[in-house]
């Protein structure tokens, strides 16, 4: 395993497992650990300057999120990108998010609605990372009034899995004006449905948003997959 830009975590006050989880997840989402790359648990612990125990526990968490696969606790591999995996993620999101957003439409306070509007305005931030965080927060706050703790746990895993695809497929170094405008238009449409307290319109707006994302990501991932994997994905569809 080559030297990486990992940050030591042993002197922080937060749980070591939480810190390792965040650091490895960051490395996967930013492509430091590439799709399909295998790495040693012992070497990862050395680079993070921490014992093997919290590293293994953090990797088990990431395995549960579908980001890595562990091999007998000694090594792990970053799960490759695949159209089939992406369809599974979005299939579950489509079962959960539109319905929760529809139920939440009548429950939002005016302050919560204005918070959603402010998050859309944050899409204009010059920092791509700030734009991404605002987008993630919008989806969380959109469903929060109607979501149970279990709903949010489930969605957190689905969002983490989807985020990996979005960050690795799109170039987040620079967000073009046309892309910013497209995002603002789509999310403003969702917000308008919430402002109207229209459950059906909100459900449809969120569905259209997720389906659009899935179709675009599927097309982009399809270009990256070897021909044999694309054929297998078509056969299983």
C-alpha atoms as a PDB file:
ATOM      1  CA  UNK A   1       0.000   0.000   0.000  1.00  0.00           C
ATOM      2  CA  UNK A   2       1.596   3.266  -1.131  1.00  0.00           C
ATOM      3  CA  UNK A   3       1.887   6.220   1.219  1.00  0.00           C
ATOM      4  CA  UNK A   4      -1.384   8.173   1.386  1.00  0.00           C
ATOM      5  CA  UNK A   5      -2.422  11.590   2.602  1.00  0.00           C
ATOM      6  CA  UNK A   6      -4.042  10.110   5.716  1.00  0.00           C
ATOM      7  CA  UNK A   7      -4.169  12.267   8.830  1.00  0.00           C
ATOM      8  CA  UNK A   8      -3.109  10.721  12.188  1.00  0.00           C
ATOM      9  CA  UNK A   9      -6.095  10.275  14.496  1.00  0.00           C
ATOM     10  CA  UNK A  10      -4.725   8.981  17.822  1.00  0.00           C
ATOM     11  CA  UNK A  11      -4.578  12.328  19.674  1.00  0.00           C
ATOM     12  CA  UNK A  12      -8.173  13.401  18.980  1.00  0.00           C
ATOM     13  CA  UNK A  13     -10.787  13.291  21.730  1.00  0.00           C
ATOM     14  CA  UNK A  14     -13.578  11.812  19.607  1.00  0.00           C
ATOM     15  CA  UNK A  15     -13.981   8.012  19.433  1.00  0.00           C
ATOM     16  CA  UNK A  16     -11.063   6.470  17.563  1.00  0.00           C
ATOM     17  CA  UNK A  17     -13.464   4.266  15.597  1.00  0.00           C
ATOM     18  CA  UNK A  18     -15.484   7.317  14.501  1.00  0.00           C
ATOM     19  CA  UNK A  19     -12.342   9.163  13.455  1.00  0.00           C
ATOM     20  CA  UNK A  20     -10.993   6.232  11.459  1.00  0.00           C
ATOM     21  CA  UNK A  21     -14.391   5.769   9.806  1.00  0.00           C
ATOM     22  CA  UNK A  22     -14.492   9.412   8.749  1.00  0.00           C
ATOM     23  CA  UNK A  23     -10.900   9.410   7.511  1.00  0.00           C
ATOM     24  CA  UNK A  24     -11.153   6.229   5.438  1.00  0.00           C
ATOM     25  CA  UNK A  25     -14.558   7.239   4.082  1.00  0.00           C
ATOM     26  CA  UNK A  26     -13.111  10.634   3.092  1.00  0.00           C
ATOM     27  CA  UNK A  27     -10.280   8.871   1.277  1.00  0.00           C
ATOM     28  CA  UNK A  28     -12.722   6.673  -0.642  1.00  0.00           C
ATOM     29  CA  UNK A  29     -15.057   9.532  -1.575  1.00  0.00           C
ATOM     30  CA  UNK A  30     -12.176  11.696  -2.786  1.00  0.00           C
ATOM     31  CA  UNK A  31     -10.546   8.905  -4.762  1.00  0.00           C
ATOM     32  CA  UNK A  32      -7.448   8.577  -2.553  1.00  0.00           C
ATOM     33  CA  UNK A  33      -8.463   4.932  -2.275  1.00  0.00           C
ATOM     34  CA  UNK A  34      -9.653   4.078  -5.776  1.00  0.00           C
ATOM     35  CA  UNK A  35     -12.527   1.733  -6.713  1.00  0.00           C
ATOM     36  CA  UNK A  36     -11.232  -1.852  -6.750  1.00  0.00           C
ATOM     37  CA  UNK A  37      -8.064  -0.999  -4.798  1.00  0.00           C
ATOM     38  CA  UNK A  38      -6.942  -3.486  -2.131  1.00  0.00           C
ATOM     39  CA  UNK A  39      -5.207  -2.274   1.021  1.00  0.00           C
ATOM     40  CA  UNK A  40      -3.722  -3.801   4.156  1.00  0.00           C
ATOM     41  CA  UNK A  41      -5.381  -3.253   7.529  1.00  0.00           C
ATOM     42  CA  UNK A  42      -1.976  -3.283   9.254  1.00  0.00           C
ATOM     43  CA  UNK A  43      -0.554  -0.705   6.850  1.00  0.00           C
ATOM     44  CA  UNK A  44      -3.642   1.477   7.216  1.00  0.00           C
ATOM     45  CA  UNK A  45      -3.267   1.368  11.013  1.00  0.00           C
ATOM     46  CA  UNK A  46       0.373   2.369  10.676  1.00  0.00           C
ATOM     47  CA  UNK A  47      -0.400   5.320   8.429  1.00  0.00           C
ATOM     48  CA  UNK A  48      -3.202   6.491  10.709  1.00  0.00           C
ATOM     49  CA  UNK A  49      -0.888   6.000  13.720  1.00  0.00           C
ATOM     50  CA  UNK A  50      -3.414   3.959  15.697  1.00  0.00           C
ATOM     51  CA  UNK A  51      -3.935   0.340  16.803  1.00  0.00           C
ATOM     52  CA  UNK A  52      -5.526  -2.321  14.592  1.00  0.00           C
ATOM     53  CA  UNK A  53      -8.667  -2.698  16.757  1.00  0.00           C
ATOM     54  CA  UNK A  54     -10.433   0.623  15.937  1.00  0.00           C
ATOM     55  CA  UNK A  55      -9.299   0.306  12.318  1.00  0.00           C
ATOM     56  CA  UNK A  56     -10.995  -3.090  11.952  1.00  0.00           C
ATOM     57  CA  UNK A  57     -14.163  -1.828  13.637  1.00  0.00           C
ATOM     58  CA  UNK A  58     -14.265   1.225  11.363  1.00  0.00           C
ATOM     59  CA  UNK A  59     -13.786  -0.961   8.295  1.00  0.00           C
ATOM     60  CA  UNK A  60     -16.662  -3.193   9.419  1.00  0.00           C
ATOM     61  CA  UNK A  61     -18.848  -0.076   9.518  1.00  0.00           C
ATOM     62  CA  UNK A  62     -17.746   0.929   6.038  1.00  0.00           C
ATOM     63  CA  UNK A  63     -18.419  -2.600   4.830  1.00  0.00           C
ATOM     64  CA  UNK A  64     -21.967  -2.248   6.159  1.00  0.00           C
ATOM     65  CA  UNK A  65     -22.308   0.932   4.082  1.00  0.00           C
ATOM     66  CA  UNK A  66     -21.258  -0.949   0.971  1.00  0.00           C
ATOM     67  CA  UNK A  67     -18.030   1.014   0.511  1.00  0.00           C
ATOM     68  CA  UNK A  68     -15.506  -1.792   1.111  1.00  0.00           C
ATOM     69  CA  UNK A  69     -15.244  -5.572   1.404  1.00  0.00           C
ATOM     70  CA  UNK A  70     -13.159  -7.062   4.218  1.00  0.00           C
ATOM     71  CA  UNK A  71     -11.007 -10.142   3.701  1.00  0.00           C
ATOM     72  CA  UNK A  72     -10.558 -12.081   6.979  1.00  0.00           C
ATOM     73  CA  UNK A  73      -9.777  -8.861   8.839  1.00  0.00           C
ATOM     74  CA  UNK A  74      -6.324  -8.542   7.264  1.00  0.00           C
ATOM     75  CA  UNK A  75      -7.072  -6.633   4.086  1.00  0.00           C
ATOM     76  CA  UNK A  76      -9.933  -4.834   2.404  1.00  0.00           C
ATOM     77  CA  UNK A  77     -10.871  -3.755  -1.092  1.00  0.00           C
ATOM     78  CA  UNK A  78     -12.779  -0.658  -2.149  1.00  0.00           C
ATOM     79  CA  UNK A  79     -15.989  -1.860  -3.790  1.00  0.00           C
ATOM     80  CA  UNK A  80     -15.801  -1.129  -7.538  1.00  0.00           C
ATOM     81  CA  UNK A  81     -18.302   1.160  -9.203  1.00  0.00           C
ATOM     82  CA  UNK A  82     -21.054  -0.709 -11.059  1.00  0.00           C
ATOM     83  CA  UNK A  83     -24.347   0.068 -12.743  1.00  0.00           C
ATOM     84  CA  UNK A  84     -26.013  -2.824 -10.928  1.00  0.00           C
ATOM     85  CA  UNK A  85     -24.921  -1.484  -7.533  1.00  0.00           C
ATOM     86  CA  UNK A  86     -26.090   2.016  -8.449  1.00  0.00           C
ATOM     87  CA  UNK A  87     -29.521   0.715  -9.471  1.00  0.00           C
ATOM     88  CA  UNK A  88     -29.839  -1.077  -6.148  1.00  0.00           C
ATOM     89  CA  UNK A  89     -28.988   2.075  -4.190  1.00  0.00           C
ATOM     90  CA  UNK A  90     -31.419   4.263  -6.089  1.00  0.00           C
ATOM     91  CA  UNK A  91     -34.094   1.594  -6.098  1.00  0.00           C
ATOM     92  CA  UNK A  92     -34.127   1.714  -2.300  1.00  0.00           C
ATOM     93  CA  UNK A  93     -33.919   5.503  -2.187  1.00  0.00           C
ATOM     94  CA  UNK A  94     -36.959   5.701  -4.454  1.00  0.00           C
ATOM     95  CA  UNK A  95     -38.894   3.460  -2.088  1.00  0.00           C
ATOM     96  CA  UNK A  96     -38.132   5.625   0.946  1.00  0.00           C
ATOM     97  CA  UNK A  97     -37.366   9.272   0.133  1.00  0.00           C
ATOM     98  CA  UNK A  98     -40.335  10.384  -2.003  1.00  0.00           C
ATOM     99  CA  UNK A  99     -42.860   9.012   0.482  1.00  0.00           C
ATOM    100  CA  UNK A 100     -41.109  10.549   3.499  1.00  0.00           C
ATOM    101  CA  UNK A 101     -40.821  13.901   1.711  1.00  0.00           C
ATOM    102  CA  UNK A 102     -44.536  13.740   0.829  1.00  0.00           C
ATOM    103  CA  UNK A 103     -45.509  13.070   4.442  1.00  0.00           C
ATOM    104  CA  UNK A 104     -43.163  15.816   5.671  1.00  0.00           C
ATOM    105  CA  UNK A 105     -44.624  18.458   3.306  1.00  0.00           C
ATOM    106  CA  UNK A 106     -47.475  19.314   5.681  1.00  0.00           C
ATOM    107  CA  UNK A 107     -45.255  19.149   8.776  1.00  0.00           C
ATOM    108  CA  UNK A 108     -42.567  21.703   7.918  1.00  0.00           C
ATOM    109  CA  UNK A 109     -42.659  24.946   9.866  1.00  0.00           C
ATOM    110  CA  UNK A 110     -42.093  28.222   8.043  1.00  0.00           C
ATOM    111  CA  UNK A 111     -38.647  28.408   9.642  1.00  0.00           C
ATOM    112  CA  UNK A 112     -37.786  24.955   8.307  1.00  0.00           C
ATOM    113  CA  UNK A 113     -38.953  25.915   4.824  1.00  0.00           C
ATOM    114  CA  UNK A 114     -36.805  29.044   4.912  1.00  0.00           C
ATOM    115  CA  UNK A 115     -33.877  26.892   6.011  1.00  0.00           C
ATOM    116  CA  UNK A 116     -34.383  24.705   2.927  1.00  0.00           C
ATOM    117  CA  UNK A 117     -34.395  27.859   0.792  1.00  0.00           C
ATOM    118  CA  UNK A 118     -31.153  29.028   2.406  1.00  0.00           C
ATOM    119  CA  UNK A 119     -29.529  25.681   1.625  1.00  0.00           C
ATOM    120  CA  UNK A 120     -30.436  26.089  -2.051  1.00  0.00           C
ATOM    121  CA  UNK A 121     -28.865  29.560  -1.976  1.00  0.00           C
ATOM    122  CA  UNK A 122     -25.690  27.895  -0.658  1.00  0.00           C
ATOM    123  CA  UNK A 123     -25.381  26.125  -4.014  1.00  0.00           C
ATOM    124  CA  UNK A 124     -23.826  29.430  -5.165  1.00  0.00           C
ATOM    125  CA  UNK A 125     -20.874  29.037  -2.777  1.00  0.00           C
ATOM    126  CA  UNK A 126     -17.455  29.167  -4.450  1.00  0.00           C
ATOM    127  CA  UNK A 127     -16.306  26.147  -2.440  1.00  0.00           C
ATOM    128  CA  UNK A 128     -17.493  22.914  -4.133  1.00  0.00           C
ATOM    129  CA  UNK A 129     -17.327  21.089  -0.794  1.00  0.00           C
ATOM    130  CA  UNK A 130     -19.697  23.628   0.771  1.00  0.00           C
ATOM    131  CA  UNK A 131     -22.095  23.138  -2.148  1.00  0.00           C
ATOM    132  CA  UNK A 132     -21.989  19.392  -1.660  1.00  0.00           C
ATOM    133  CA  UNK A 133     -22.638  19.655   2.081  1.00  0.00           C
ATOM    134  CA  UNK A 134     -25.587  21.985   1.467  1.00  0.00           C
ATOM    135  CA  UNK A 135     -27.042  19.493  -0.994  1.00  0.00           C
ATOM    136  CA  UNK A 136     -26.738  16.635   1.494  1.00  0.00           C
ATOM    137  CA  UNK A 137     -28.290  18.737   4.250  1.00  0.00           C
ATOM    138  CA  UNK A 138     -31.194  19.719   1.973  1.00  0.00           C
ATOM    139  CA  UNK A 139     -32.143  16.076   1.453  1.00  0.00           C
ATOM    140  CA  UNK A 140     -31.862  15.342   5.177  1.00  0.00           C
ATOM    141  CA  UNK A 141     -33.916  18.353   6.284  1.00  0.00           C
ATOM    142  CA  UNK A 142     -36.485  17.696   3.559  1.00  0.00           C
ATOM    143  CA  UNK A 143     -37.560  14.385   5.105  1.00  0.00           C
ATOM    144  CA  UNK A 144     -36.645  14.977   8.761  1.00  0.00           C
ATOM    145  CA  UNK A 145     -40.121  16.075  10.019  1.00  0.00           C
ATOM    146  CA  UNK A 146     -41.640  12.725   8.968  1.00  0.00           C
ATOM    147  CA  UNK A 147     -38.622  10.456   9.442  1.00  0.00           C
ATOM    148  CA  UNK A 148     -38.097   8.017  12.295  1.00  0.00           C
ATOM    149  CA  UNK A 149     -34.674   7.208  13.706  1.00  0.00           C
ATOM    150  CA  UNK A 150     -34.694   3.997  11.639  1.00  0.00           C
ATOM    151  CA  UNK A 151     -35.635   5.916   8.494  1.00  0.00           C
ATOM    152  CA  UNK A 152     -32.655   8.229   9.014  1.00  0.00           C
ATOM    153  CA  UNK A 153     -30.266   5.337   9.738  1.00  0.00           C
ATOM    154  CA  UNK A 154     -31.353   3.622   6.528  1.00  0.00           C
ATOM    155  CA  UNK A 155     -31.120   6.793   4.481  1.00  0.00           C
ATOM    156  CA  UNK A 156     -27.727   7.659   5.947  1.00  0.00           C
ATOM    157  CA  UNK A 157     -26.329   4.409   4.550  1.00  0.00           C
ATOM    158  CA  UNK A 158     -27.997   4.931   1.174  1.00  0.00           C
ATOM    159  CA  UNK A 159     -26.782   8.528   0.974  1.00  0.00           C
ATOM    160  CA  UNK A 160     -23.233   7.447   1.826  1.00  0.00           C
ATOM    161  CA  UNK A 161     -23.305   4.826  -0.929  1.00  0.00           C
ATOM    162  CA  UNK A 162     -24.798   7.263  -3.469  1.00  0.00           C
ATOM    163  CA  UNK A 163     -22.378  10.023  -2.462  1.00  0.00           C
ATOM    164  CA  UNK A 164     -19.446   7.816  -3.409  1.00  0.00           C
ATOM    165  CA  UNK A 165     -20.747   7.467  -6.942  1.00  0.00           C
ATOM    166  CA  UNK A 166     -21.544  11.137  -7.319  1.00  0.00           C
ATOM    167  CA  UNK A 167     -18.187  12.347  -6.015  1.00  0.00           C
ATOM    168  CA  UNK A 168     -16.134   9.887  -8.057  1.00  0.00           C
ATOM    169  CA  UNK A 169     -18.093  10.231 -11.293  1.00  0.00           C
ATOM    170  CA  UNK A 170     -18.434  14.024 -11.320  1.00  0.00           C
ATOM    171  CA  UNK A 171     -15.497  16.411 -11.164  1.00  0.00           C
ATOM    172  CA  UNK A 172     -16.069  18.427  -8.000  1.00  0.00           C
ATOM    173  CA  UNK A 173     -12.955  20.524  -8.473  1.00  0.00           C
ATOM    174  CA  UNK A 174     -15.100  23.016 -10.343  1.00  0.00           C
ATOM    175  CA  UNK A 175     -18.875  23.275 -10.593  1.00  0.00           C
ATOM    176  CA  UNK A 176     -19.906  24.806 -13.885  1.00  0.00           C
ATOM    177  CA  UNK A 177     -22.539  27.534 -14.007  1.00  0.00           C
ATOM    178  CA  UNK A 178     -24.885  25.324 -16.013  1.00  0.00           C
ATOM    179  CA  UNK A 179     -24.643  22.601 -13.372  1.00  0.00           C
ATOM    180  CA  UNK A 180     -25.308  25.061 -10.546  1.00  0.00           C
ATOM    181  CA  UNK A 181     -28.353  26.392 -12.402  1.00  0.00           C
ATOM    182  CA  UNK A 182     -29.646  22.868 -13.022  1.00  0.00           C
ATOM    183  CA  UNK A 183     -29.318  21.914  -9.343  1.00  0.00           C
ATOM    184  CA  UNK A 184     -30.978  25.099  -8.153  1.00  0.00           C
ATOM    185  CA  UNK A 185     -33.890  24.612 -10.573  1.00  0.00           C
ATOM    186  CA  UNK A 186     -34.511  21.000  -9.521  1.00  0.00           C
ATOM    187  CA  UNK A 187     -34.318  21.683  -5.792  1.00  0.00           C
ATOM    188  CA  UNK A 188     -36.385  24.848  -6.072  1.00  0.00           C
ATOM    189  CA  UNK A 189     -39.078  22.742  -7.744  1.00  0.00           C
ATOM    190  CA  UNK A 190     -39.045  20.389  -4.764  1.00  0.00           C
ATOM    191  CA  UNK A 191     -39.193  23.353  -2.367  1.00  0.00           C
ATOM    192  CA  UNK A 192     -42.116  24.929  -4.240  1.00  0.00           C
ATOM    193  CA  UNK A 193     -44.080  21.694  -3.779  1.00  0.00           C
ATOM    194  CA  UNK A 194     -43.309  21.749  -0.049  1.00  0.00           C
ATOM    195  CA  UNK A 195     -44.321  25.411   0.232  1.00  0.00           C
ATOM    196  CA  UNK A 196     -47.657  24.464  -1.341  1.00  0.00           C
ATOM    197  CA  UNK A 197     -48.040  21.693   1.278  1.00  0.00           C
ATOM    198  CA  UNK A 198     -48.812  19.397  -1.655  1.00  0.00           C
ATOM    199  CA  UNK A 199     -47.865  15.824  -0.758  1.00  0.00           C
ATOM    200  CA  UNK A 200     -48.467  14.429  -4.244  1.00  0.00           C
ATOM    201  CA  UNK A 201     -46.469  17.149  -5.967  1.00  0.00           C
ATOM    202  CA  UNK A 202     -43.640  16.772  -3.461  1.00  0.00           C
ATOM    203  CA  UNK A 203     -43.562  13.007  -3.961  1.00  0.00           C
ATOM    204  CA  UNK A 204     -43.383  13.448  -7.739  1.00  0.00           C
ATOM    205  CA  UNK A 205     -40.719  16.177  -7.577  1.00  0.00           C
ATOM    206  CA  UNK A 206     -38.436  14.046  -5.391  1.00  0.00           C
ATOM    207  CA  UNK A 207     -39.065  10.986  -7.568  1.00  0.00           C
ATOM    208  CA  UNK A 208     -38.188  12.895 -10.731  1.00  0.00           C
ATOM    209  CA  UNK A 209     -35.018  14.236  -9.086  1.00  0.00           C
ATOM    210  CA  UNK A 210     -33.803  10.788  -8.010  1.00  0.00           C
ATOM    211  CA  UNK A 211     -34.701   9.130 -11.306  1.00  0.00           C
ATOM    212  CA  UNK A 212     -32.860  11.863 -13.193  1.00  0.00           C
ATOM    213  CA  UNK A 213     -29.775  11.417 -11.019  1.00  0.00           C
ATOM    214  CA  UNK A 214     -29.869   7.656 -11.441  1.00  0.00           C
ATOM    215  CA  UNK A 215     -30.147   7.863 -15.224  1.00  0.00           C
ATOM    216  CA  UNK A 216     -27.267  10.307 -15.565  1.00  0.00           C
ATOM    217  CA  UNK A 217     -24.992   8.417 -13.168  1.00  0.00           C
ATOM    218  CA  UNK A 218     -25.867   5.110 -14.849  1.00  0.00           C
ATOM    219  CA  UNK A 219     -24.828   6.525 -18.206  1.00  0.00           C
ATOM    220  CA  UNK A 220     -21.548   7.857 -16.812  1.00  0.00           C
ATOM    221  CA  UNK A 221     -20.721   4.683 -14.884  1.00  0.00           C
ATOM    222  CA  UNK A 222     -21.525   2.622 -17.968  1.00  0.00           C
ATOM    223  CA  UNK A 223     -18.770   4.434 -19.826  1.00  0.00           C
ATOM    224  CA  UNK A 224     -16.256   3.509 -17.107  1.00  0.00           C
ATOM    225  CA  UNK A 225     -17.124  -0.201 -16.815  1.00  0.00           C
ATOM    226  CA  UNK A 226     -15.327  -2.805 -18.923  1.00  0.00           C
ATOM    227  CA  UNK A 227     -17.493  -4.138 -21.775  1.00  0.00           C
ATOM    228  CA  UNK A 228     -17.895  -7.532 -20.090  1.00  0.00           C
ATOM    229  CA  UNK A 229     -19.304  -5.956 -16.933  1.00  0.00           C
ATOM    230  CA  UNK A 230     -21.682  -3.782 -18.968  1.00  0.00           C
ATOM    231  CA  UNK A 231     -23.012  -6.844 -20.744  1.00  0.00           C
ATOM    232  CA  UNK A 232     -23.491  -8.688 -17.457  1.00  0.00           C
ATOM    233  CA  UNK A 233     -25.373  -5.693 -16.045  1.00  0.00           C
ATOM    234  CA  UNK A 234     -27.699  -5.622 -19.048  1.00  0.00           C
ATOM    235  CA  UNK A 235     -28.367  -9.362 -18.756  1.00  0.00           C
ATOM    236  CA  UNK A 236     -29.309  -9.041 -15.078  1.00  0.00           C
ATOM    237  CA  UNK A 237     -31.563  -6.009 -15.559  1.00  0.00           C
END
